[in-house]
Amino acid sequence: IFAPIYFFIVYIASTKQSDFLYAHLSSKYFKKSFNISFQIVL
């Protein structure tokens, strides 16, 4: 159970499709000057 989910989430973290989630979270919860990588967070 854990191993395929682990690899899948690592894959998701590397995709460009996930950028919008970072943009949404950063604009809603963080200051615009705060820069954080979605891949690192995930």
All heavy atoms as atom14 arrays in JSON, in Angstrom:
{
  "sequence": "IFAPIYFFIVYIASTKQSDFLYAHLSSKYFKKSFNISFQIVL",
  "atom14_mask": [
    [1, 1, 1, 1, 1, 1, 1, 1, 0, 0, 0, 0, 0, 0],
    [1, 1, 1, 1, 1, 1, 1, 1, 1, 1, 1, 0, 0, 0],
    [1, 1, 1, 1, 1, 0, 0, 0, 0, 0, 0, 0, 0, 0],
    [1, 1, 1, 1, 1, 1, 1, 0, 0, 0, 0, 0, 0, 0],
    [1, 1, 1, 1, 1, 1, 1, 1, 0, 0, 0, 0, 0, 0],
    [1, 1, 1, 1, 1, 1, 1, 1, 1, 1, 1, 1, 0, 0],
    [1, 1, 1, 1, 1, 1, 1, 1, 1, 1, 1, 0, 0, 0],
    [1, 1, 1, 1, 1, 1, 1, 1, 1, 1, 1, 0, 0, 0],
    [1, 1, 1, 1, 1, 1, 1, 1, 0, 0, 0, 0, 0, 0],
    [1, 1, 1, 1, 1, 1, 1, 0, 0, 0, 0, 0, 0, 0],
    [1, 1, 1, 1, 1, 1, 1, 1, 1, 1, 1, 1, 0, 0],
    [1, 1, 1, 1, 1, 1, 1, 1, 0, 0, 0, 0, 0, 0],
    [1, 1, 1, 1, 1, 0, 0, 0, 0, 0, 0, 0, 0, 0],
    [1, 1, 1, 1, 1, 1, 0, 0, 0, 0, 0, 0, 0, 0],
    [1, 1, 1, 1, 1, 1, 1, 0, 0, 0, 0, 0, 0, 0],
    [1, 1, 1, 1, 1, 1, 1, 1, 1, 0, 0, 0, 0, 0],
    [1, 1, 1, 1, 1, 1, 1, 1, 1, 0, 0, 0, 0, 0],
    [1, 1, 1, 1, 1, 1, 0, 0, 0, 0, 0, 0, 0, 0],
    [1, 1, 1, 1, 1, 1, 1, 1, 0, 0, 0, 0, 0, 0],
    [1, 1, 1, 1, 1, 1, 1, 1, 1, 1, 1, 0, 0, 0],
    [1, 1, 1, 1, 1, 1, 1, 1, 0, 0, 0, 0, 0, 0],
    [1, 1, 1, 1, 1, 1, 1, 1, 1, 1, 1, 1, 0, 0],
    [1, 1, 1, 1, 1, 0, 0, 0, 0, 0, 0, 0, 0, 0],
    [1, 1, 1, 1, 1, 1, 1, 1, 1, 1, 0, 0, 0, 0],
    [1, 1, 1, 1, 1, 1, 1, 1, 0, 0, 0, 0, 0, 0],
    [1, 1, 1, 1, 1, 1, 0, 0, 0, 0, 0, 0, 0, 0],
    [1, 1, 1, 1, 1, 1, 0, 0, 0, 0, 0, 0, 0, 0],
    [1, 1, 1, 1, 1, 1, 1, 1, 1, 0, 0, 0, 0, 0],
    [1, 1, 1, 1, 1, 1, 1, 1, 1, 1, 1, 1, 0, 0],
    [1, 1, 1, 1, 1, 1, 1, 1, 1, 1, 1, 0, 0, 0],
    [1, 1, 1, 1, 1, 1, 1, 1, 1, 0, 0, 0, 0, 0],
    [1, 1, 1, 1, 1, 1, 1, 1, 1, 0, 0, 0, 0, 0],
    [1, 1, 1, 1, 1, 1, 0, 0, 0, 0, 0, 0, 0, 0],
    [1, 1, 1, 1, 1, 1, 1, 1, 1, 1, 1, 0, 0, 0],
    [1, 1, 1, 1, 1, 1, 1, 1, 0, 0, 0, 0, 0, 0],
    [1, 1, 1, 1, 1, 1, 1, 1, 0, 0, 0, 0, 0, 0],
    [1, 1, 1, 1, 1, 1, 0, 0, 0, 0, 0, 0, 0, 0],
    [1, 1, 1, 1, 1, 1, 1, 1, 1, 1, 1, 0, 0, 0],
    [1, 1, 1, 1, 1, 1, 1, 1, 1, 0, 0, 0, 0, 0],
    [1, 1, 1, 1, 1, 1, 1, 1, 0, 0, 0, 0, 0, 0],
    [1, 1, 1, 1, 1, 1, 1, 0, 0, 0, 0, 0, 0, 0],
    [1, 1, 1, 1, 1, 1, 1, 1, 0, 0, 0, 0, 0, 0]
  ],
  "atom14_positions": [
    [[0.83, -1.21, 0.0], [0.0, 0.0, 0.0], [0.86, 1.25, 0.0], [0.68, 2.15, -0.82], [-0.95, -0.01, 1.21], [-1.97, -1.14, 1.05], [-1.67, 1.34, 1.36], [-2.83, -1.37, 2.26], [0.0, 0.0, 0.0], [0.0, 0.0, 0.0], [0.0, 0.0, 0.0], [0.0, 0.0, 0.0], [0.0, 0.0, 0.0], [0.0, 0.0, 0.0]],
    [[1.83, 1.32, 0.91], [2.59, 2.56, 1.07], [3.53, 2.83, -0.11], [3.63, 3.97, -0.58], [3.4, 2.54, 2.36], [4.18, 3.8, 2.59], [3.55, 4.96, 3.0], [5.55, 3.84, 2.36], [4.26, 6.14, 3.19], [6.28, 5.01, 2.54], [5.62, 6.16, 2.97], [0.0, 0.0, 0.0], [0.0, 0.0, 0.0], [0.0, 0.0, 0.0]],
    [[4.22, 1.81, -0.6], [5.25, 2.02, -1.62], [4.71, 2.61, -2.92], [5.26, 3.61, -3.42], [6.0, 0.72, -1.89], [0.0, 0.0, 0.0], [0.0, 0.0, 0.0], [0.0, 0.0, 0.0], [0.0, 0.0, 0.0], [0.0, 0.0, 0.0], [0.0, 0.0, 0.0], [0.0, 0.0, 0.0], [0.0, 0.0, 0.0], [0.0, 0.0, 0.0]],
    [[3.64, 2.05, -3.53], [3.15, 2.69, -4.77], [2.6, 4.09, -4.54], [2.77, 4.97, -5.41], [2.04, 1.74, -5.24], [1.68, 0.91, -4.07], [2.9, 0.82, -3.23], [0.0, 0.0, 0.0], [0.0, 0.0, 0.0], [0.0, 0.0, 0.0], [0.0, 0.0, 0.0], [0.0, 0.0, 0.0], [0.0, 0.0, 0.0], [0.0, 0.0, 0.0]],
    [[1.97, 4.33, -3.38], [1.48, 5.67, -3.07], [2.65, 6.63, -2.92], [2.61, 7.78, -3.38], [0.61, 5.65, -1.81], [-0.69, 4.89, -2.08], [0.3, 7.06, -1.33], [-1.59, 4.74, -0.87], [0.0, 0.0, 0.0], [0.0, 0.0, 0.0], [0.0, 0.0, 0.0], [0.0, 0.0, 0.0], [0.0, 0.0, 0.0], [0.0, 0.0, 0.0]],
    [[3.73, 6.18, -2.28], [4.92, 7.02, -2.11], [5.46, 7.48, -3.47], [5.68, 8.68, -3.7], [5.99, 6.24, -1.35], [7.3, 6.97, -1.17], [7.54, 7.75, -0.03], [8.31, 6.9, -2.13], [8.74, 8.43, 0.13], [9.51, 7.57, -1.97], [9.72, 8.33, -0.84], [10.91, 9.01, -0.67], [0.0, 0.0, 0.0], [0.0, 0.0, 0.0]],
    [[5.67, 6.53, -4.37], [6.2, 6.89, -5.68], [5.24, 7.79, -6.45], [5.66, 8.72, -7.15], [6.51, 5.62, -6.5], [7.77, 4.92, -6.08], [7.72, 3.71, -5.43], [9.0, 5.49, -6.34], [8.88, 3.06, -5.04], [10.18, 4.86, -5.96], [10.11, 3.64, -5.31], [0.0, 0.0, 0.0], [0.0, 0.0, 0.0], [0.0, 0.0, 0.0]],
    [[3.95, 7.54, -6.3], [2.95, 8.34, -7.0], [2.96, 9.78, -6.51], [2.91, 10.73, -7.3], [1.56, 7.71, -6.82], [0.46, 8.46, -7.51], [0.59, 8.87, -8.83], [-0.71, 8.77, -6.84], [-0.43, 9.56, -9.49], [-1.74, 9.46, -7.48], [-1.59, 9.85, -8.8], [0.0, 0.0, 0.0], [0.0, 0.0, 0.0], [0.0, 0.0, 0.0]],
    [[3.05, 9.97, -5.2], [3.06, 11.33, -4.65], [4.35, 12.05, -5.03], [4.35, 13.26, -5.31], [2.87, 11.31, -3.12], [1.54, 10.63, -2.76], [2.91, 12.73, -2.56], [0.32, 11.26, -3.38], [0.0, 0.0, 0.0], [0.0, 0.0, 0.0], [0.0, 0.0, 0.0], [0.0, 0.0, 0.0], [0.0, 0.0, 0.0], [0.0, 0.0, 0.0]],
    [[5.47, 11.33, -5.06], [6.72, 11.93, -5.52], [6.56, 12.39, -6.97], [7.02, 13.48, -7.35], [7.89, 10.94, -5.39], [9.14, 11.47, -6.09], [8.19, 10.65, -3.92], [0.0, 0.0, 0.0], [0.0, 0.0, 0.0], [0.0, 0.0, 0.0], [0.0, 0.0, 0.0], [0.0, 0.0, 0.0], [0.0, 0.0, 0.0], [0.0, 0.0, 0.0]],
    [[5.9, 11.57, -7.77], [5.65, 11.95, -9.17], [4.78, 13.2, -9.25], [5.08, 14.13, -9.99], [4.98, 10.79, -9.91], [4.36, 11.21, -11.23], [5.16, 11.39, -12.36], [2.99, 11.44, -11.32], [4.6, 11.79, -13.56], [2.43, 11.84, -12.52], [3.23, 12.01, -13.63], [2.67, 12.42, -14.81], [0.0, 0.0, 0.0], [0.0, 0.0, 0.0]],
    [[3.7, 13.25, -8.47], [2.82, 14.41, -8.47], [3.58, 15.68, -8.08], [3.41, 16.74, -8.68], [1.63, 14.19, -7.5], [0.67, 13.15, -8.07], [0.88, 15.49, -7.26], [-0.49, 12.82, -7.16], [0.0, 0.0, 0.0], [0.0, 0.0, 0.0], [0.0, 0.0, 0.0], [0.0, 0.0, 0.0], [0.0, 0.0, 0.0], [0.0, 0.0, 0.0]],
    [[4.45, 15.54, -7.08], [5.22, 16.7, -6.63], [6.12, 17.25, -7.72], [6.48, 18.43, -7.7], [6.06, 16.32, -5.41], [0.0, 0.0, 0.0], [0.0, 0.0, 0.0], [0.0, 0.0, 0.0], [0.0, 0.0, 0.0], [0.0, 0.0, 0.0], [0.0, 0.0, 0.0], [0.0, 0.0, 0.0], [0.0, 0.0, 0.0], [0.0, 0.0, 0.0]],
    [[6.45, 16.41, -8.68], [7.37, 16.84, -9.75], [6.65, 17.4, -10.97], [7.3, 17.88, -11.89], [8.23, 15.65, -10.19], [7.45, 14.72, -10.93], [0.0, 0.0, 0.0], [0.0, 0.0, 0.0], [0.0, 0.0, 0.0], [0.0, 0.0, 0.0], [0.0, 0.0, 0.0], [0.0, 0.0, 0.0], [0.0, 0.0, 0.0], [0.0, 0.0, 0.0]],
    [[5.32, 17.32, -11.0], [4.59, 17.73, -12.19], [4.25, 19.21, -12.17], [4.02, 19.8, -11.12], [3.27, 16.92, -12.31], [2.45, 17.2, -11.17], [3.55, 15.44, -12.41], [0.0, 0.0, 0.0], [0.0, 0.0, 0.0], [0.0, 0.0, 0.0], [0.0, 0.0, 0.0], [0.0, 0.0, 0.0], [0.0, 0.0, 0.0], [0.0, 0.0, 0.0]],
    [[4.14, 19.79, -13.36], [3.77, 21.19, -13.48], [2.29, 21.41, -13.15], [1.9, 22.51, -12.79], [4.06, 21.68, -14.89], [5.54, 21.75, -15.23], [5.76, 22.29, -16.62], [7.24, 22.39, -16.93], [7.48, 22.92, -18.3], [0.0, 0.0, 0.0], [0.0, 0.0, 0.0], [0.0, 0.0, 0.0], [0.0, 0.0, 0.0], [0.0, 0.0, 0.0]],
    [[1.49, 20.32, -13.28], [0.06, 20.46, -13.01], [-0.21, 20.85, -11.58], [-1.28, 21.35, -11.26], [-0.67, 19.14, -13.33], [-0.73, 18.82, -14.81], [0.41, 17.91, -15.21], [1.5, 18.04, -14.67], [0.17, 17.01, -16.15], [0.0, 0.0, 0.0], [0.0, 0.0, 0.0], [0.0, 0.0, 0.0], [0.0, 0.0, 0.0], [0.0, 0.0, 0.0]],
    [[0.74, 20.62, -10.69], [0.53, 20.92, -9.28], [0.87, 22.37, -8.94], [0.67, 22.81, -7.82], [1.37, 19.98, -8.42], [2.74, 20.13, -8.72], [0.0, 0.0, 0.0], [0.0, 0.0, 0.0], [0.0, 0.0, 0.0], [0.0, 0.0, 0.0], [0.0, 0.0, 0.0], [0.0, 0.0, 0.0], [0.0, 0.0, 0.0], [0.0, 0.0, 0.0]],
    [[1.39, 23.13, -9.92], [1.79, 24.51, -9.63], [0.63, 25.37, -9.16], [0.8, 26.25, -8.32], [2.42, 25.15, -10.88], [3.81, 24.58, -11.15], [4.32, 23.87, -10.27], [4.35, 24.83, -12.24], [0.0, 0.0, 0.0], [0.0, 0.0, 0.0], [0.0, 0.0, 0.0], [0.0, 0.0, 0.0], [0.0, 0.0, 0.0], [0.0, 0.0, 0.0]],
    [[-0.56, 25.11, -9.72], [-1.68, 25.97, -9.36], [-2.03, 25.83, -7.88], [-2.5, 26.78, -7.26], [-2.91, 25.64, -10.22], [-3.72, 24.51, -9.69], [-4.79, 24.73, -8.81], [-3.42, 23.2, -10.03], [-5.53, 23.67, -8.32], [-4.17, 22.15, -9.55], [-5.23, 22.38, -8.68], [0.0, 0.0, 0.0], [0.0, 0.0, 0.0], [0.0, 0.0, 0.0]],
    [[-1.81, 24.65, -7.3], [-2.1, 24.47, -5.88], [-1.18, 25.34, -5.05], [-1.6, 25.99, -4.1], [-1.95, 23.0, -5.48], [-2.19, 22.67, -4.0], [-3.63, 23.02, -3.62], [-1.88, 21.22, -3.72], [0.0, 0.0, 0.0], [0.0, 0.0, 0.0], [0.0, 0.0, 0.0], [0.0, 0.0, 0.0], [0.0, 0.0, 0.0], [0.0, 0.0, 0.0]],
    [[0.08, 25.37, -5.43], [1.04, 26.23, -4.73], [0.63, 27.7, -4.86], [0.64, 28.46, -3.9], [2.45, 26.02, -5.29], [3.35, 27.21, -5.11], [3.71, 27.64, -3.83], [3.79, 27.95, -6.21], [4.52, 28.74, -3.66], [4.59, 29.06, -6.04], [4.95, 29.45, -4.76], [5.74, 30.55, -4.59], [0.0, 0.0, 0.0], [0.0, 0.0, 0.0]],
    [[0.24, 28.09, -6.08], [-0.15, 29.48, -6.3], [-1.36, 29.85, -5.46], [-1.44, 30.94, -4.88], [-0.46, 29.7, -7.78], [0.0, 0.0, 0.0], [0.0, 0.0, 0.0], [0.0, 0.0, 0.0], [0.0, 0.0, 0.0], [0.0, 0.0, 0.0], [0.0, 0.0, 0.0], [0.0, 0.0, 0.0], [0.0, 0.0, 0.0], [0.0, 0.0, 0.0]],
    [[-2.31, 28.92, -5.36], [-3.52, 29.18, -4.58], [-3.18, 29.31, -3.09], [-3.62, 30.24, -2.42], [-4.51, 28.04, -4.8], [-5.7, 28.12, -3.9], [-6.71, 29.06, -4.05], [-6.04, 27.38, -2.82], [-7.61, 28.88, -3.11], [-7.24, 27.86, -2.35], [0.0, 0.0, 0.0], [0.0, 0.0, 0.0], [0.0, 0.0, 0.0], [0.0, 0.0, 0.0]],
    [[-2.36, 28.38, -2.61], [-2.02, 28.38, -1.19], [-1.16, 29.58, -0.83], [-1.36, 30.23, 0.2], [-1.3, 27.08, -0.81], [-2.15, 25.81, -0.84], [-1.26, 24.6, -0.55], [-3.28, 25.87, 0.18], [0.0, 0.0, 0.0], [0.0, 0.0, 0.0], [0.0, 0.0, 0.0], [0.0, 0.0, 0.0], [0.0, 0.0, 0.0], [0.0, 0.0, 0.0]],
    [[-0.19, 29.89, -1.69], [0.72, 30.98, -1.37], [0.01, 32.33, -1.37], [0.31, 33.21, -0.56], [1.89, 31.0, -2.35], [1.41, 31.19, -3.67], [0.0, 0.0, 0.0], [0.0, 0.0, 0.0], [0.0, 0.0, 0.0], [0.0, 0.0, 0.0], [0.0, 0.0, 0.0], [0.0, 0.0, 0.0], [0.0, 0.0, 0.0], [0.0, 0.0, 0.0]],
    [[-0.94, 32.5, -2.29], [-1.66, 33.77, -2.35], [-2.66, 33.91, -1.23], [-2.98, 35.01, -0.79], [-2.36, 33.92, -3.7], [-3.34, 32.89, -3.84], [0.0, 0.0, 0.0], [0.0, 0.0, 0.0], [0.0, 0.0, 0.0], [0.0, 0.0, 0.0], [0.0, 0.0, 0.0], [0.0, 0.0, 0.0], [0.0, 0.0, 0.0], [0.0, 0.0, 0.0]],
    [[-3.16, 32.78, -0.76], [-4.2, 32.82, 0.27], [-3.63, 32.87, 1.66], [-4.17, 33.55, 2.55], [-5.12, 31.6, 0.11], [-6.33, 31.63, 1.03], [-7.26, 30.46, 0.71], [-8.5, 30.5, 1.61], [-9.41, 29.38, 1.32], [0.0, 0.0, 0.0], [0.0, 0.0, 0.0], [0.0, 0.0, 0.0], [0.0, 0.0, 0.0], [0.0, 0.0, 0.0]],
    [[-2.55, 32.16, 1.91], [-2.05, 32.02, 3.27], [-0.69, 32.69, 3.51], [-0.27, 32.84, 4.64], [-1.92, 30.53, 3.63], [-3.25, 29.8, 3.6], [-3.55, 28.93, 2.55], [-4.19, 30.0, 4.6], [-4.77, 28.26, 2.52], [-5.41, 29.34, 4.57], [-5.69, 28.47, 3.53], [-6.9, 27.81, 3.5], [0.0, 0.0, 0.0], [0.0, 0.0, 0.0]],
    [[0.02, 33.06, 2.46], [1.34, 33.62, 2.64], [1.44, 34.98, 1.93], [0.68, 35.28, 1.01], [2.42, 32.68, 2.08], [2.37, 31.31, 2.67], [1.96, 30.24, 1.88], [2.71, 31.08, 3.98], [1.9, 28.98, 2.42], [2.65, 29.81, 4.52], [2.24, 28.76, 3.74], [0.0, 0.0, 0.0], [0.0, 0.0, 0.0], [0.0, 0.0, 0.0]],
    [[2.39, 35.73, 2.33], [2.66, 36.99, 1.66], [3.24, 36.7, 0.27], [3.87, 35.69, 0.06], [3.64, 37.83, 2.47], [3.08, 38.28, 3.82], [4.13, 39.08, 4.57], [3.57, 39.55, 5.92], [4.57, 40.34, 6.69], [0.0, 0.0, 0.0], [0.0, 0.0, 0.0], [0.0, 0.0, 0.0], [0.0, 0.0, 0.0], [0.0, 0.0, 0.0]],
    [[3.02, 37.62, -0.64], [3.48, 37.4, -2.0], [5.0, 37.27, -2.06], [5.54, 36.62, -2.95], [3.02, 38.55, -2.89], [1.51, 38.56, -3.12], [1.11, 39.66, -4.09], [-0.4, 39.62, -4.35], [-0.82, 40.69, -5.31], [0.0, 0.0, 0.0], [0.0, 0.0, 0.0], [0.0, 0.0, 0.0], [0.0, 0.0, 0.0], [0.0, 0.0, 0.0]],
    [[5.67, 37.9, -1.13], [7.13, 37.84, -1.14], [7.67, 36.5, -0.64], [8.85, 36.22, -0.77], [7.71, 38.97, -0.28], [7.24, 38.84, 1.06], [0.0, 0.0, 0.0], [0.0, 0.0, 0.0], [0.0, 0.0, 0.0], [0.0, 0.0, 0.0], [0.0, 0.0, 0.0], [0.0, 0.0, 0.0], [0.0, 0.0, 0.0], [0.0, 0.0, 0.0]],
    [[6.77, 35.71, -0.04], [7.2, 34.42, 0.52], [7.26, 33.39, -0.61], [6.25, 33.09, -1.24], [6.21, 33.97, 1.6], [6.66, 32.73, 2.33], [7.61, 32.8, 3.34], [6.14, 31.48, 2.0], [8.02, 31.68, 4.01], [6.55, 30.35, 2.66], [7.49, 30.45, 3.67], [0.0, 0.0, 0.0], [0.0, 0.0, 0.0], [0.0, 0.0, 0.0]],
    [[8.41, 32.87, -0.87], [8.59, 31.94, -1.97], [8.85, 30.54, -1.42], [9.74, 30.35, -0.61], [9.76, 32.39, -2.85], [9.86, 31.55, -4.12], [8.89, 30.89, -4.49], [11.01, 31.59, -4.76], [0.0, 0.0, 0.0], [0.0, 0.0, 0.0], [0.0, 0.0, 0.0], [0.0, 0.0, 0.0], [0.0, 0.0, 0.0], [0.0, 0.0, 0.0]],
    [[8.07, 29.59, -1.87], [8.22, 28.21, -1.4], [7.91, 27.26, -2.54], [7.0, 27.5, -3.34], [7.3, 27.94, -0.19], [7.57, 26.55, 0.39], [5.84, 28.08, -0.57], [6.87, 26.32, 1.71], [0.0, 0.0, 0.0], [0.0, 0.0, 0.0], [0.0, 0.0, 0.0], [0.0, 0.0, 0.0], [0.0, 0.0, 0.0], [0.0, 0.0, 0.0]],
    [[8.67, 26.21, -2.65], [8.48, 25.23, -3.71], [7.41, 24.23, -3.32], [7.48, 23.61, -2.26], [9.8, 24.5, -3.99], [9.57, 23.35, -4.77], [0.0, 0.0, 0.0], [0.0, 0.0, 0.0], [0.0, 0.0, 0.0], [0.0, 0.0, 0.0], [0.0, 0.0, 0.0], [0.0, 0.0, 0.0], [0.0, 0.0, 0.0], [0.0, 0.0, 0.0]],
    [[6.43, 24.06, -4.2], [5.38, 23.06, -3.95], [5.99, 21.67, -3.83], [5.59, 20.87, -2.98], [4.35, 23.1, -5.08], [3.34, 21.99, -4.99], [2.21, 22.13, -4.19], [3.51, 20.8, -5.68], [1.28, 21.11, -4.1], [2.59, 19.78, -5.59], [1.46, 19.94, -4.8], [0.0, 0.0, 0.0], [0.0, 0.0, 0.0], [0.0, 0.0, 0.0]],
    [[6.95, 21.36, -4.68], [7.58, 20.04, -4.65], [8.22, 19.78, -3.31], [8.08, 18.68, -2.75], [8.62, 19.93, -5.77], [9.25, 18.52, -5.85], [10.22, 18.41, -6.99], [10.74, 19.4, -7.48], [10.47, 17.18, -7.44], [0.0, 0.0, 0.0], [0.0, 0.0, 0.0], [0.0, 0.0, 0.0], [0.0, 0.0, 0.0], [0.0, 0.0, 0.0]],
    [[8.9, 20.77, -2.76], [9.56, 20.59, -1.47], [8.52, 20.37, -0.36], [8.66, 19.48, 0.48], [10.45, 21.8, -1.14], [11.64, 21.84, -2.1], [10.93, 21.74, 0.31], [12.53, 23.06, -1.93], [0.0, 0.0, 0.0], [0.0, 0.0, 0.0], [0.0, 0.0, 0.0], [0.0, 0.0, 0.0], [0.0, 0.0, 0.0], [0.0, 0.0, 0.0]],
    [[7.46, 21.19, -0.38], [6.42, 21.07, 0.65], [5.79, 19.69, 0.61], [5.64, 19.01, 1.64], [5.35, 22.17, 0.48], [4.17, 21.9, 1.41], [5.94, 23.53, 0.76], [0.0, 0.0, 0.0], [0.0, 0.0, 0.0], [0.0, 0.0, 0.0], [0.0, 0.0, 0.0], [0.0, 0.0, 0.0], [0.0, 0.0, 0.0], [0.0, 0.0, 0.0]],
    [[5.39, 19.26, -0.58], [4.72, 17.96, -0.71], [5.66, 16.82, -0.33], [5.25, 15.86, 0.33], [4.2, 17.78, -2.14], [3.24, 16.61, -2.36], [2.08, 16.65, -1.39], [2.74, 16.6, -3.8], [0.0, 0.0, 0.0], [0.0, 0.0, 0.0], [0.0, 0.0, 0.0], [0.0, 0.0, 0.0], [0.0, 0.0, 0.0], [0.0, 0.0, 0.0]]
  ]
}
